[in-house]
Protein backbone atom coordinates (compact mmCIF):
# COMPACT_ATOMS: atom_id res chain seq x y z
CA MET A 1 -28.17 5.38 21.50
CA SER A 2 -27.96 8.74 23.19
CA VAL A 3 -26.11 11.60 21.49
CA ASP A 4 -24.92 14.89 22.96
CA LEU A 5 -26.74 17.69 21.14
CA PRO A 6 -26.56 21.49 21.48
CA GLN A 7 -29.50 22.75 23.55
CA PRO A 8 -31.71 24.18 20.76
CA ILE A 9 -31.34 20.99 18.71
CA ALA A 10 -32.07 18.81 21.75
CA GLU A 11 -35.19 20.90 22.45
CA TYR A 12 -36.39 20.47 18.86
CA ILE A 13 -35.77 16.69 18.92
CA GLU A 14 -37.54 16.30 22.30
CA ALA A 15 -40.57 18.29 21.10
CA ASN A 16 -40.68 16.26 17.87
CA ALA A 17 -40.79 13.06 19.94
CA ARG A 18 -43.98 14.46 21.57
CA LEU A 19 -45.32 15.74 18.20
CA ASP A 20 -45.55 19.15 19.91
CA ILE A 21 -45.63 21.82 17.20
CA ASP A 22 -45.21 24.79 19.57
CA GLY A 23 -42.28 23.05 21.26
CA MET A 24 -40.74 22.21 17.88
CA LEU A 25 -40.95 25.88 16.82
CA MET A 26 -39.58 27.31 20.07
CA PRO A 27 -35.85 26.76 19.37
CA PHE A 28 -36.04 28.38 15.90
CA LEU A 29 -35.29 32.04 15.22
CA ARG A 30 -38.41 33.84 13.98
CA ASP A 31 -36.83 34.25 10.52
CA ALA A 32 -35.38 30.74 10.38
CA VAL A 33 -35.29 28.69 7.20
CA PHE A 34 -36.26 25.02 7.05
CA ILE A 35 -35.28 23.19 3.86
CA ASP A 36 -37.12 19.88 3.66
CA ASN A 37 -35.74 17.73 0.84
CA GLY A 38 -35.22 20.82 -1.33
CA LYS A 39 -38.45 22.65 -0.41
CA HIS A 40 -37.84 25.98 1.37
CA PHE A 41 -39.96 27.19 4.29
CA GLU A 42 -38.99 30.61 5.64
CA GLY A 43 -40.24 32.10 8.88
CA GLU A 44 -42.31 30.80 11.75
CA ALA A 45 -45.66 30.68 9.91
CA ALA A 46 -44.24 28.67 6.99
CA ILE A 47 -42.40 26.25 9.26
CA ARG A 48 -45.54 25.78 11.38
CA LEU A 49 -47.50 24.93 8.23
CA LEU A 50 -44.85 22.37 7.26
CA PHE A 51 -45.17 20.71 10.67
CA GLU A 52 -48.99 20.81 10.55
CA GLU A 53 -49.22 19.37 7.04
CA GLU A 54 -46.25 17.02 6.72
CA VAL A 55 -44.98 15.99 10.17
CA ILE A 56 -47.96 15.67 12.50
CA PRO A 57 -50.36 13.83 10.13
CA VAL A 58 -47.84 11.02 9.54
CA LYS A 59 -46.49 11.09 13.12
CA ALA A 60 -42.92 11.52 11.82
CA ILE A 61 -40.50 11.22 14.75
CA PHE A 62 -36.76 11.60 14.21
CA THR A 63 -34.38 9.69 16.49
CA PRO A 64 -30.77 10.86 16.17
CA ASP A 65 -27.99 8.33 16.54
CA THR A 66 -24.95 10.29 15.31
CA VAL A 67 -23.85 13.91 15.51
CA ARG A 68 -20.84 15.77 14.12
CA GLU A 69 -19.73 19.29 13.31
CA GLU A 70 -19.12 20.03 9.65
CA ASN A 71 -18.26 23.42 8.09
CA GLY A 72 -19.78 25.34 11.01
CA ALA A 73 -22.98 23.29 11.04
CA VAL A 74 -24.18 20.52 13.34
CA VAL A 75 -25.02 17.42 11.31
CA VAL A 76 -27.33 14.91 12.98
CA GLU A 77 -28.26 11.57 11.45
CA GLY A 78 -30.77 8.91 12.37
CA PRO A 79 -34.01 7.19 11.46
CA ALA A 80 -37.44 8.78 11.31
CA HIS A 81 -40.40 6.56 12.07
CA GLY A 82 -44.03 7.24 11.31
CA ASP A 83 -47.04 6.46 9.19
CA PHE A 84 -45.38 7.14 5.83
CA PRO A 85 -44.14 4.92 2.98
CA GLY A 86 -40.77 3.32 3.66
CA SER A 87 -40.80 4.02 7.40
CA PRO A 88 -38.34 4.05 8.97
CA LEU A 89 -36.21 6.20 6.69
CA ARG A 90 -32.72 7.41 7.55
CA PHE A 91 -32.43 11.20 7.52
CA THR A 92 -29.62 13.72 7.74
CA TYR A 93 -30.46 16.96 9.54
CA CYS A 94 -28.02 19.84 9.04
CA PHE A 95 -28.50 22.61 11.62
CA THR A 96 -26.98 26.08 11.60
CA LEU A 97 -27.20 27.82 14.96
CA MET A 98 -27.15 31.54 15.75
CA HIS A 99 -27.62 33.33 19.10
CA GLY A 100 -28.47 30.03 20.84
CA ALA A 101 -31.26 29.18 18.37
CA ILE A 102 -31.76 27.32 15.10
CA LYS A 103 -31.15 29.61 12.10
CA THR A 104 -31.42 26.95 9.40
CA LEU A 105 -32.36 23.29 9.25
CA GLU A 106 -31.93 21.24 6.10
CA THR A 107 -33.23 17.68 6.01
CA THR A 108 -32.37 15.07 3.41
CA VAL A 109 -33.09 11.37 3.05
């Protein structure tokens, strides 16, 4: 299923599908915050480390199948597949955008 996503979110999702860390970082503001199941990662270096340690090694690829706006955020849901226990798992990604980039991303299972 194809969903219509704002450009910075689409860029992040497309780069994730290629497991391209630089491409995944590109749509984030430099001071962005990524909250991964309650763990906070602030700024480009911290988010890069998250991708290097927790996304790439398990080849976690998120495939959105629904999108909606909720309280000023873009909420995207879908399965993530990879080499991790329970794969695929259904995730909710809550994006806040600012100046055409991702300001915050919170993921929950």
